[in-house]
Each structure stands twice: as C-alpha cells, then as structure tokens.
Protein backbone atom coordinates (compact mmCIF):
# COMPACT_ATOMS: atom_id res chain seq x y z
CA MET A 1 -58.22 16.49 52.96
CA TRP A 2 -58.33 13.20 50.87
CA GLN A 3 -54.28 12.63 49.91
CA VAL A 4 -53.13 10.07 47.15
CA TRP A 5 -50.06 8.93 48.09
CA VAL A 6 -48.10 7.81 44.92
CA PHE A 7 -44.80 6.14 45.54
CA LEU A 8 -42.19 6.78 42.33
CA ALA A 9 -39.11 6.32 41.29
CA PRO A 10 -37.16 8.76 38.75
CA LEU A 11 -35.26 6.59 36.55
CA CYS A 12 -38.58 3.76 36.21
CA PRO A 13 -39.83 4.32 32.89
CA ILE A 14 -43.65 3.58 34.07
CA CYS A 15 -43.25 6.05 36.95
CA GLN A 16 -41.85 8.87 33.97
CA ASP A 17 -45.00 7.80 32.35
CA TYR A 18 -47.39 8.41 34.71
CA THR A 19 -46.49 11.79 35.60
CA TYR A 20 -48.41 13.00 32.47
CA TYR A 21 -51.69 11.36 34.03
CA LEU A 22 -50.80 12.26 37.76
CA ASN A 23 -50.22 16.19 36.69
CA ALA A 24 -53.83 15.57 34.84
CA LEU A 25 -55.56 14.44 38.30
CA HIS A 26 -53.81 17.05 39.91
CA GLU A 27 -54.65 19.47 37.67
CA GLN A 28 -58.77 18.61 38.05
CA TRP A 29 -58.57 18.28 41.98
CA SER A 30 -56.96 21.58 42.40
CA ALA A 31 -59.04 23.44 39.61
CA ALA A 32 -62.02 22.38 41.68
CA GLU A 33 -63.67 25.19 43.88
CA ASP A 34 -63.53 23.77 47.30
CA PRO A 35 -59.88 21.20 47.19
CA GLN A 36 -60.86 18.14 48.70
CA VAL A 37 -58.20 15.77 47.11
CA GLU A 38 -54.03 16.54 47.87
CA LEU A 39 -51.30 14.90 45.51
CA VAL A 40 -48.11 13.45 47.06
CA GLY A 41 -44.84 12.00 45.56
CA TRP A 42 -42.85 9.59 47.58
CA PHE A 43 -39.79 7.93 47.01
CA PRO A 44 -39.11 5.57 48.96
CA ASN A 45 -35.50 4.78 47.90
CA PRO A 46 -32.83 5.79 50.28
CA THR A 47 -30.55 6.30 47.20
CA VAL A 48 -32.86 9.29 45.65
CA THR A 49 -31.98 12.56 46.52
CA ASP A 50 -33.33 15.70 46.80
CA GLU A 51 -31.39 16.73 43.11
CA ALA A 52 -33.11 14.12 41.38
CA ILE A 53 -36.20 14.78 42.78
CA ALA A 54 -35.95 18.26 41.19
CA GLU A 55 -35.34 17.40 38.62
CA PHE A 56 -38.04 14.55 37.81
CA ALA A 57 -40.33 17.47 38.84
CA ASP A 58 -39.00 19.69 36.23
CA ARG A 59 -38.15 17.46 33.69
CA TYR A 60 -42.18 16.12 34.05
CA ALA A 61 -43.46 19.85 34.76
CA VAL A 62 -44.77 18.34 38.10
CA GLU A 63 -46.58 21.31 39.88
CA TRP A 64 -47.49 18.71 42.97
CA GLU A 65 -45.87 17.98 46.56
CA MET A 66 -42.48 15.64 46.24
CA ALA A 67 -40.39 14.41 48.82
CA ARG A 68 -37.99 11.70 49.94
CA ASP A 69 -39.78 9.58 51.76
CA THR A 70 -37.44 9.53 54.88
CA VAL A 71 -40.54 8.69 57.65
CA GLY A 72 -41.22 5.23 55.58
CA TRP A 73 -44.73 5.62 54.32
CA SER A 74 -44.15 3.16 51.68
CA GLU A 75 -42.99 0.71 54.37
CA ALA A 76 -46.86 1.78 56.81
CA VAL A 77 -49.11 1.22 53.71
CA GLY A 78 -47.31 -2.02 52.12
CA ALA A 79 -45.76 -0.59 48.73
CA ARG A 80 -44.27 -2.66 47.42
CA PHE A 81 -43.83 -1.29 43.51
CA THR A 82 -43.25 1.86 41.73
CA PRO A 83 -45.33 3.81 40.70
CA GLU A 84 -47.81 2.25 43.40
CA ALA A 85 -50.20 4.48 44.93
CA ALA A 86 -52.26 4.73 48.11
CA LEU A 87 -55.69 6.85 48.87
CA VAL A 88 -55.65 7.96 52.93
CA SER A 89 -58.61 9.26 54.42
CA PRO A 90 -58.45 12.42 56.70
CA ASP A 91 -58.45 10.81 59.81
CA GLY A 92 -54.99 8.74 58.47
CA GLU A 93 -56.71 5.51 57.33
CA VAL A 94 -55.49 3.52 54.20
CA VAL A 95 -58.28 3.17 52.27
CA TYR A 96 -56.90 2.04 48.71
CA ARG A 97 -53.47 0.66 47.69
CA GLY A 98 -52.64 -0.33 44.24
CA ARG A 99 -52.32 0.30 40.85
CA VAL A 100 -52.32 4.16 39.73
CA ASN A 101 -54.77 3.72 37.03
CA ASP A 102 -57.42 2.26 39.40
CA LEU A 103 -57.71 4.98 42.15
C-alpha cells in the first residue's frame, strides 16, 4: 500500500491548519472501495510526548495514524520542515518529498 508520511509538530500553527486538509484526504482515501493510500503522521521532535500527540489528534479530530518518529524516518527521507510530506511506494521508495499541498 502507498503511504503518505506527514512530518508534524503539535505547536506549529501551519501543521494545525493543514490538519483539516489532511483529514479530508484521509476521508477520501479511506472511503475508497479498495483503499490504496494510507496517511501517517510522524512527530520527529524527540521532546514531543505521546500525550501531546493524543491531545493534537483529539483537538483536530484526527482519525489517521500518528506517532513519535523514534526510528528517524524524517532523517531517512530528508524532511527538514514541518509540515512536510513524503509519498512512499509499496516497496519503500520515496517518490515525493515536499509541500503537503503538492501531493
């Protein structure tokens, strides 16, 4: 399955604003008869807690997967900003990295 990884920060106003757009994408993709794209939110800042992520998800009605980036996915794909997106193919190849609204 294709994945869209979005790198986020809970206190970033731009991330907060984009969450509504991302929620709409998630609804569109998951409503498909045979979903082909999964949305995942990563929080790369090591000081972000699970509680902060849960509060962010609750405040912005997020129903897609979100987690702390303890593996270093942001570094692996070269993400340097929040929000920033990466489109990852089913075989793990990053085919896009950049602005969320250019997906």
